[in-house]
């Protein structure tokens, strides 16, 4: 089966995430993203060849799977989501394809059928995907997903019914941040603060407040006193040096 040549790309997210990269680093980074979309996780040798002397900076944007191959979490998410979308369109096509265009009062046709489902229209792809994201476009569902990550990683018991917390999550959603962004912030600050005097700040009002974007884009993480997280981080470092 031919590889899907397309994937949703969000320019504002890319510009924000690469704000402090020079143009050479950005070029290497987007090349790796494109390669991952086409071939899947990238072999360590190929990854390092493309990164060159920018390896340390670029590798912060990627994770390693059980085989030691590199992948960007956001690109994997968008690629998988696109795959599900195209498969659903193919399935609908086998059932008769796109519904016929509706006619207006004067007999003219419209780009979008009036009064009919628009699920088969590729132009409506983003809206369909949002509906299929298990409700994560809704503040309540997003808050539950975010706090599930925070509570499981940090051993906390924050409730998704908190209006204050939902307000913080909504504010970040309105700025265009995704579940993957929330998870990245939680993971970074958990590694940095657990076991230190700052552990008390592993809470929604701090993590999801005005400094959210700076937390998301911080370059380095100092490990705290969480032995489990330090162990995992050590394994990751060993994987890079092997």
C-alpha atoms as a PDB file:
ATOM      1  CA  UNK A   1       0.000   0.000   0.000  1.00  0.00           C
ATOM      2  CA  UNK A   2       1.326   3.443  -0.950  1.00  0.00           C
ATOM      3  CA  UNK A   3       2.454   5.608   1.958  1.00  0.00           C
ATOM      4  CA  UNK A   4       0.123   8.506   2.703  1.00  0.00           C
ATOM      5  CA  UNK A   5       1.986  11.573   1.369  1.00  0.00           C
ATOM      6  CA  UNK A   6       0.182  13.991   3.670  1.00  0.00           C
ATOM      7  CA  UNK A   7      -0.038  14.822   7.359  1.00  0.00           C
ATOM      8  CA  UNK A   8      -1.549  17.760   9.207  1.00  0.00           C
ATOM      9  CA  UNK A   9       1.075  20.405   9.919  1.00  0.00           C
ATOM     10  CA  UNK A  10       0.562  23.286  12.356  1.00  0.00           C
ATOM     11  CA  UNK A  11       2.878  26.197  11.451  1.00  0.00           C
ATOM     12  CA  UNK A  12       2.241  28.099  14.698  1.00  0.00           C
ATOM     13  CA  UNK A  13       3.214  25.043  16.784  1.00  0.00           C
ATOM     14  CA  UNK A  14       6.358  24.520  14.722  1.00  0.00           C
ATOM     15  CA  UNK A  15       7.414  28.156  14.970  1.00  0.00           C
ATOM     16  CA  UNK A  16       6.827  28.180  18.719  1.00  0.00           C
ATOM     17  CA  UNK A  17       8.671  24.928  19.296  1.00  0.00           C
ATOM     18  CA  UNK A  18      11.693  25.996  17.230  1.00  0.00           C
ATOM     19  CA  UNK A  19      11.807  29.649  18.265  1.00  0.00           C
ATOM     20  CA  UNK A  20      15.302  29.392  19.741  1.00  0.00           C
ATOM     21  CA  UNK A  21      16.776  27.143  17.037  1.00  0.00           C
ATOM     22  CA  UNK A  22      19.027  28.539  14.326  1.00  0.00           C
ATOM     23  CA  UNK A  23      18.005  27.901  10.728  1.00  0.00           C
ATOM     24  CA  UNK A  24      20.464  25.047  10.273  1.00  0.00           C
ATOM     25  CA  UNK A  25      18.980  23.218  13.275  1.00  0.00           C
ATOM     26  CA  UNK A  26      15.430  23.867  12.081  1.00  0.00           C
ATOM     27  CA  UNK A  27      16.296  22.404   8.684  1.00  0.00           C
ATOM     28  CA  UNK A  28      17.699  19.237  10.210  1.00  0.00           C
ATOM     29  CA  UNK A  29      14.745  18.965  12.586  1.00  0.00           C
ATOM     30  CA  UNK A  30      12.033  19.259   9.937  1.00  0.00           C
ATOM     31  CA  UNK A  31      13.954  16.818   7.716  1.00  0.00           C
ATOM     32  CA  UNK A  32      13.778  14.258  10.528  1.00  0.00           C
ATOM     33  CA  UNK A  33      10.056  14.911  10.997  1.00  0.00           C
ATOM     34  CA  UNK A  34       9.438  14.353   7.285  1.00  0.00           C
ATOM     35  CA  UNK A  35      11.555  11.186   7.304  1.00  0.00           C
ATOM     36  CA  UNK A  36       9.634   9.814  10.287  1.00  0.00           C
ATOM     37  CA  UNK A  37       6.308  10.503   8.604  1.00  0.00           C
ATOM     38  CA  UNK A  38       7.422   8.559   5.539  1.00  0.00           C
ATOM     39  CA  UNK A  39       9.377   5.676   7.082  1.00  0.00           C
ATOM     40  CA  UNK A  40       8.423   5.506  10.774  1.00  0.00           C
ATOM     41  CA  UNK A  41      10.913   5.592  13.695  1.00  0.00           C
ATOM     42  CA  UNK A  42      14.403   6.572  12.571  1.00  0.00           C
ATOM     43  CA  UNK A  43      17.419   4.318  13.081  1.00  0.00           C
ATOM     44  CA  UNK A  44      19.932   5.760  15.528  1.00  0.00           C
ATOM     45  CA  UNK A  45      22.725   5.857  12.932  1.00  0.00           C
ATOM     46  CA  UNK A  46      20.595   7.784  10.431  1.00  0.00           C
ATOM     47  CA  UNK A  47      19.255  10.059  13.148  1.00  0.00           C
ATOM     48  CA  UNK A  48      22.741  11.048  14.295  1.00  0.00           C
ATOM     49  CA  UNK A  49      23.960  11.547  10.715  1.00  0.00           C
ATOM     50  CA  UNK A  50      21.172  14.020  10.000  1.00  0.00           C
ATOM     51  CA  UNK A  51      21.557  15.796  13.347  1.00  0.00           C
ATOM     52  CA  UNK A  52      25.305  16.178  12.974  1.00  0.00           C
ATOM     53  CA  UNK A  53      26.662  18.587  15.582  1.00  0.00           C
ATOM     54  CA  UNK A  54      23.074  19.548  16.500  1.00  0.00           C
ATOM     55  CA  UNK A  55      22.322  16.143  18.013  1.00  0.00           C
ATOM     56  CA  UNK A  56      22.048  17.262  21.645  1.00  0.00           C
ATOM     57  CA  UNK A  57      19.552  20.029  20.862  1.00  0.00           C
ATOM     58  CA  UNK A  58      17.433  18.139  18.347  1.00  0.00           C
ATOM     59  CA  UNK A  59      17.298  14.885  20.313  1.00  0.00           C
ATOM     60  CA  UNK A  60      15.339  16.695  23.038  1.00  0.00           C
ATOM     61  CA  UNK A  61      12.428  16.756  20.594  1.00  0.00           C
ATOM     62  CA  UNK A  62      12.455  12.968  20.153  1.00  0.00           C
ATOM     63  CA  UNK A  63      12.030   9.793  22.158  1.00  0.00           C
ATOM     64  CA  UNK A  64      13.465   6.320  21.642  1.00  0.00           C
ATOM     65  CA  UNK A  65      11.363   3.199  21.295  1.00  0.00           C
ATOM     66  CA  UNK A  66      12.244  -0.267  22.590  1.00  0.00           C
ATOM     67  CA  UNK A  67      14.534  -0.809  19.579  1.00  0.00           C
ATOM     68  CA  UNK A  68      16.425   2.416  20.193  1.00  0.00           C
ATOM     69  CA  UNK A  69      14.908   4.115  17.148  1.00  0.00           C
ATOM     70  CA  UNK A  70      13.986   7.778  17.403  1.00  0.00           C
ATOM     71  CA  UNK A  71      10.520   9.242  16.960  1.00  0.00           C
ATOM     72  CA  UNK A  72       8.820  12.555  17.611  1.00  0.00           C
ATOM     73  CA  UNK A  73       5.717  12.016  19.740  1.00  0.00           C
ATOM     74  CA  UNK A  74       3.657  14.740  18.053  1.00  0.00           C
ATOM     75  CA  UNK A  75       4.497  13.543  14.527  1.00  0.00           C
ATOM     76  CA  UNK A  76       3.567   9.973  15.484  1.00  0.00           C
ATOM     77  CA  UNK A  77       0.257  11.224  16.858  1.00  0.00           C
ATOM     78  CA  UNK A  78      -0.562  13.230  13.719  1.00  0.00           C
ATOM     79  CA  UNK A  79       0.522  10.387  11.410  1.00  0.00           C
ATOM     80  CA  UNK A  80      -1.611   7.839  13.255  1.00  0.00           C
ATOM     81  CA  UNK A  81      -4.541  10.220  13.295  1.00  0.00           C
ATOM     82  CA  UNK A  82      -4.240  10.828   9.553  1.00  0.00           C
ATOM     83  CA  UNK A  83      -4.082   7.073   8.952  1.00  0.00           C
ATOM     84  CA  UNK A  84      -7.292   6.521  10.907  1.00  0.00           C
ATOM     85  CA  UNK A  85      -8.972   9.301   8.949  1.00  0.00           C
ATOM     86  CA  UNK A  86      -8.023   7.938   5.527  1.00  0.00           C
ATOM     87  CA  UNK A  87      -9.062   4.432   6.557  1.00  0.00           C
ATOM     88  CA  UNK A  88     -12.453   5.728   7.635  1.00  0.00           C
ATOM     89  CA  UNK A  89     -12.845   7.545   4.287  1.00  0.00           C
ATOM     90  CA  UNK A  90     -11.906   4.359   2.436  1.00  0.00           C
ATOM     91  CA  UNK A  91     -14.460   2.398   4.434  1.00  0.00           C
ATOM     92  CA  UNK A  92     -17.146   4.960   3.654  1.00  0.00           C
ATOM     93  CA  UNK A  93     -16.195   4.807  -0.013  1.00  0.00           C
ATOM     94  CA  UNK A  94     -16.857   1.075  -0.076  1.00  0.00           C
ATOM     95  CA  UNK A  95     -20.363   1.845   1.171  1.00  0.00           C
ATOM     96  CA  UNK A  96     -21.203   4.204  -1.650  1.00  0.00           C
ATOM     97  CA  UNK A  97     -18.797   7.092  -1.317  1.00  0.00           C
ATOM     98  CA  UNK A  98     -19.587  10.754  -0.918  1.00  0.00           C
ATOM     99  CA  UNK A  99     -23.257  11.690  -0.628  1.00  0.00           C
ATOM    100  CA  UNK A 100     -24.704  13.570  -3.633  1.00  0.00           C
ATOM    101  CA  UNK A 101     -24.556  17.349  -3.530  1.00  0.00           C
ATOM    102  CA  UNK A 102     -27.722  19.012  -2.326  1.00  0.00           C
ATOM    103  CA  UNK A 103     -29.475  21.577  -4.482  1.00  0.00           C
ATOM    104  CA  UNK A 104     -30.454  25.068  -3.429  1.00  0.00           C
ATOM    105  CA  UNK A 105     -33.881  26.567  -4.037  1.00  0.00           C
ATOM    106  CA  UNK A 106     -32.876  27.738  -7.506  1.00  0.00           C
ATOM    107  CA  UNK A 107     -31.268  24.400  -8.383  1.00  0.00           C
ATOM    108  CA  UNK A 108     -27.684  25.492  -7.780  1.00  0.00           C
ATOM    109  CA  UNK A 109     -25.305  23.058  -6.112  1.00  0.00           C
ATOM    110  CA  UNK A 110     -23.236  23.841  -3.062  1.00  0.00           C
ATOM    111  CA  UNK A 111     -19.754  22.732  -2.049  1.00  0.00           C
ATOM    112  CA  UNK A 112     -21.124  21.375   1.239  1.00  0.00           C
ATOM    113  CA  UNK A 113     -24.420  19.430   1.159  1.00  0.00           C
ATOM    114  CA  UNK A 114     -27.202  21.319   2.886  1.00  0.00           C
ATOM    115  CA  UNK A 115     -28.923  19.303   5.572  1.00  0.00           C
ATOM    116  CA  UNK A 116     -26.734  16.276   4.854  1.00  0.00           C
ATOM    117  CA  UNK A 117     -23.727  14.781   6.596  1.00  0.00           C
ATOM    118  CA  UNK A 118     -20.422  16.376   5.563  1.00  0.00           C
ATOM    119  CA  UNK A 119     -18.311  13.532   6.956  1.00  0.00           C
ATOM    120  CA  UNK A 120     -17.134  12.503   3.499  1.00  0.00           C
ATOM    121  CA  UNK A 121     -15.743  15.928   2.621  1.00  0.00           C
ATOM    122  CA  UNK A 122     -11.957  16.107   2.864  1.00  0.00           C
ATOM    123  CA  UNK A 123     -12.248  19.832   3.496  1.00  0.00           C
ATOM    124  CA  UNK A 124     -13.979  18.976   6.741  1.00  0.00           C
ATOM    125  CA  UNK A 125     -11.092  16.769   7.894  1.00  0.00           C
ATOM    126  CA  UNK A 126     -10.079  18.838  10.904  1.00  0.00           C
ATOM    127  CA  UNK A 127     -13.601  18.983  12.321  1.00  0.00           C
ATOM    128  CA  UNK A 128     -14.052  15.229  11.918  1.00  0.00           C
ATOM    129  CA  UNK A 129     -10.736  14.510  13.580  1.00  0.00           C
ATOM    130  CA  UNK A 130     -11.625  16.719  16.511  1.00  0.00           C
ATOM    131  CA  UNK A 131     -14.856  14.789  16.994  1.00  0.00           C
ATOM    132  CA  UNK A 132     -12.921  11.512  16.909  1.00  0.00           C
ATOM    133  CA  UNK A 133     -10.301  12.520  19.478  1.00  0.00           C
ATOM    134  CA  UNK A 134     -12.298  10.933  22.283  1.00  0.00           C
ATOM    135  CA  UNK A 135     -13.768  14.322  23.108  1.00  0.00           C
ATOM    136  CA  UNK A 136     -10.378  15.892  23.815  1.00  0.00           C
ATOM    137  CA  UNK A 137     -11.539  19.048  22.037  1.00  0.00           C
ATOM    138  CA  UNK A 138     -13.868  19.503  25.025  1.00  0.00           C
ATOM    139  CA  UNK A 139     -12.447  21.175  28.104  1.00  0.00           C
ATOM    140  CA  UNK A 140     -13.839  18.595  30.524  1.00  0.00           C
ATOM    141  CA  UNK A 141     -12.407  15.623  28.624  1.00  0.00           C
ATOM    142  CA  UNK A 142      -9.070  17.325  28.125  1.00  0.00           C
ATOM    143  CA  UNK A 143      -8.873  18.166  31.834  1.00  0.00           C
ATOM    144  CA  UNK A 144      -9.528  14.536  32.772  1.00  0.00           C
ATOM    145  CA  UNK A 145      -6.822  13.323  30.384  1.00  0.00           C
ATOM    146  CA  UNK A 146      -4.305  15.895  31.631  1.00  0.00           C
ATOM    147  CA  UNK A 147      -4.928  15.201  35.315  1.00  0.00           C
ATOM    148  CA  UNK A 148      -4.792  11.462  34.718  1.00  0.00           C
ATOM    149  CA  UNK A 149      -1.227  11.978  33.491  1.00  0.00           C
ATOM    150  CA  UNK A 150      -0.320  14.304  36.362  1.00  0.00           C
ATOM    151  CA  UNK A 151      -1.820  12.118  39.088  1.00  0.00           C
ATOM    152  CA  UNK A 152      -0.315   8.887  37.778  1.00  0.00           C
ATOM    153  CA  UNK A 153       3.167  10.346  37.347  1.00  0.00           C
ATOM    154  CA  UNK A 154       3.350  12.482  40.482  1.00  0.00           C
ATOM    155  CA  UNK A 155       1.175  10.487  42.874  1.00  0.00           C
ATOM    156  CA  UNK A 156      -1.294  13.343  43.288  1.00  0.00           C
ATOM    157  CA  UNK A 157      -5.099  13.286  43.464  1.00  0.00           C
ATOM    158  CA  UNK A 158      -6.233  16.426  41.670  1.00  0.00           C
ATOM    159  CA  UNK A 159      -9.849  16.355  40.513  1.00  0.00           C
ATOM    160  CA  UNK A 160     -10.965  17.156  36.980  1.00  0.00           C
ATOM    161  CA  UNK A 161     -14.157  18.711  38.367  1.00  0.00           C
ATOM    162  CA  UNK A 162     -12.237  21.721  39.718  1.00  0.00           C
ATOM    163  CA  UNK A 163     -13.456  24.823  37.901  1.00  0.00           C
ATOM    164  CA  UNK A 164     -10.114  26.535  38.515  1.00  0.00           C
ATOM    165  CA  UNK A 165      -8.210  23.695  36.902  1.00  0.00           C
ATOM    166  CA  UNK A 166     -10.606  23.520  33.965  1.00  0.00           C
ATOM    167  CA  UNK A 167     -10.161  27.261  33.506  1.00  0.00           C
ATOM    168  CA  UNK A 168      -6.392  26.840  33.266  1.00  0.00           C
ATOM    169  CA  UNK A 169      -6.700  23.961  30.807  1.00  0.00           C
ATOM    170  CA  UNK A 170      -9.193  25.909  28.696  1.00  0.00           C
ATOM    171  CA  UNK A 171      -6.897  28.932  28.578  1.00  0.00           C
ATOM    172  CA  UNK A 172      -4.021  26.833  27.255  1.00  0.00           C
ATOM    173  CA  UNK A 173      -6.310  25.064  24.771  1.00  0.00           C
ATOM    174  CA  UNK A 174      -7.434  28.448  23.469  1.00  0.00           C
ATOM    175  CA  UNK A 175      -3.759  29.229  22.838  1.00  0.00           C
ATOM    176  CA  UNK A 176      -3.495  26.125  20.654  1.00  0.00           C
ATOM    177  CA  UNK A 177      -1.736  23.744  23.032  1.00  0.00           C
ATOM    178  CA  UNK A 178      -2.527  20.015  22.778  1.00  0.00           C
ATOM    179  CA  UNK A 179      -2.647  17.021  25.110  1.00  0.00           C
ATOM    180  CA  UNK A 180       0.869  16.121  23.980  1.00  0.00           C
ATOM    181  CA  UNK A 181       2.037  19.575  25.117  1.00  0.00           C
ATOM    182  CA  UNK A 182       0.444  19.148  28.543  1.00  0.00           C
ATOM    183  CA  UNK A 183       2.061  15.731  28.917  1.00  0.00           C
ATOM    184  CA  UNK A 184       5.464  17.110  27.932  1.00  0.00           C
ATOM    185  CA  UNK A 185       5.272  19.867  30.549  1.00  0.00           C
ATOM    186  CA  UNK A 186       4.207  17.400  33.249  1.00  0.00           C
ATOM    187  CA  UNK A 187       7.019  14.984  32.373  1.00  0.00           C
ATOM    188  CA  UNK A 188       9.707  17.689  32.247  1.00  0.00           C
ATOM    189  CA  UNK A 189       8.769  19.336  35.517  1.00  0.00           C
ATOM    190  CA  UNK A 190       8.258  15.995  37.292  1.00  0.00           C
ATOM    191  CA  UNK A 191      11.809  14.989  36.429  1.00  0.00           C
ATOM    192  CA  UNK A 192      13.165  18.404  37.387  1.00  0.00           C
ATOM    193  CA  UNK A 193      11.250  19.022  40.622  1.00  0.00           C
ATOM    194  CA  UNK A 194      10.466  15.644  42.198  1.00  0.00           C
ATOM    195  CA  UNK A 195      12.576  15.183  45.312  1.00  0.00           C
ATOM    196  CA  UNK A 196      13.467  18.880  45.552  1.00  0.00           C
ATOM    197  CA  UNK A 197      12.004  21.839  47.424  1.00  0.00           C
ATOM    198  CA  UNK A 198      10.002  22.648  44.281  1.00  0.00           C
ATOM    199  CA  UNK A 199       8.045  19.388  44.355  1.00  0.00           C
ATOM    200  CA  UNK A 200       5.120  21.240  45.961  1.00  0.00           C
ATOM    201  CA  UNK A 201       4.711  23.143  42.690  1.00  0.00           C
ATOM    202  CA  UNK A 202       3.768  20.000  40.757  1.00  0.00           C
ATOM    203  CA  UNK A 203       0.206  21.276  40.723  1.00  0.00           C
ATOM    204  CA  UNK A 204      -2.189  22.557  38.028  1.00  0.00           C
ATOM    205  CA  UNK A 205      -2.012  26.261  38.976  1.00  0.00           C
ATOM    206  CA  UNK A 206       1.757  26.251  38.524  1.00  0.00           C
ATOM    207  CA  UNK A 207       2.198  23.827  35.621  1.00  0.00           C
ATOM    208  CA  UNK A 208      -0.673  25.110  33.469  1.00  0.00           C
ATOM    209  CA  UNK A 209      -0.377  28.796  34.319  1.00  0.00           C
ATOM    210  CA  UNK A 210       1.285  31.714  32.478  1.00  0.00           C
ATOM    211  CA  UNK A 211       4.691  29.968  32.366  1.00  0.00           C
ATOM    212  CA  UNK A 212       3.295  26.917  30.546  1.00  0.00           C
ATOM    213  CA  UNK A 213       4.925  27.767  27.221  1.00  0.00           C
ATOM    214  CA  UNK A 214       8.324  28.397  28.775  1.00  0.00           C
ATOM    215  CA  UNK A 215       8.120  25.062  30.605  1.00  0.00           C
ATOM    216  CA  UNK A 216       7.214  23.360  27.324  1.00  0.00           C
ATOM    217  CA  UNK A 217      10.198  24.820  25.502  1.00  0.00           C
ATOM    218  CA  UNK A 218      12.861  24.613  28.202  1.00  0.00           C
ATOM    219  CA  UNK A 219      16.014  23.026  26.843  1.00  0.00           C
ATOM    220  CA  UNK A 220      17.470  21.222  29.822  1.00  0.00           C
ATOM    221  CA  UNK A 221      16.058  19.333  32.785  1.00  0.00           C
ATOM    222  CA  UNK A 222      17.859  18.902  36.076  1.00  0.00           C
ATOM    223  CA  UNK A 223      16.883  15.640  37.699  1.00  0.00           C
ATOM    224  CA  UNK A 224      15.538  15.737  41.205  1.00  0.00           C
ATOM    225  CA  UNK A 225      15.334  13.013  43.808  1.00  0.00           C
ATOM    226  CA  UNK A 226      12.814  10.679  42.197  1.00  0.00           C
ATOM    227  CA  UNK A 227      14.825   7.456  41.956  1.00  0.00           C
ATOM    228  CA  UNK A 228      12.408   5.883  39.499  1.00  0.00           C
ATOM    229  CA  UNK A 229      12.500   8.842  37.114  1.00  0.00           C
ATOM    230  CA  UNK A 230      16.264   9.182  37.478  1.00  0.00           C
ATOM    231  CA  UNK A 231      16.668   5.488  36.656  1.00  0.00           C
ATOM    232  CA  UNK A 232      14.519   5.808  33.527  1.00  0.00           C
ATOM    233  CA  UNK A 233      16.424   8.922  32.518  1.00  0.00           C
ATOM    234  CA  UNK A 234      19.718   7.114  33.033  1.00  0.00           C
ATOM    235  CA  UNK A 235      18.605   4.268  30.812  1.00  0.00           C
ATOM    236  CA  UNK A 236      17.647   6.799  28.146  1.00  0.00           C
ATOM    237  CA  UNK A 237      21.087   8.431  28.317  1.00  0.00           C
ATOM    238  CA  UNK A 238      22.781   5.045  28.042  1.00  0.00           C
ATOM    239  CA  UNK A 239      20.677   4.296  24.966  1.00  0.00           C
ATOM    240  CA  UNK A 240      21.935   7.474  23.347  1.00  0.00           C
ATOM    241  CA  UNK A 241      25.568   6.664  24.019  1.00  0.00           C
ATOM    242  CA  UNK A 242      25.419   3.063  22.858  1.00  0.00           C
END
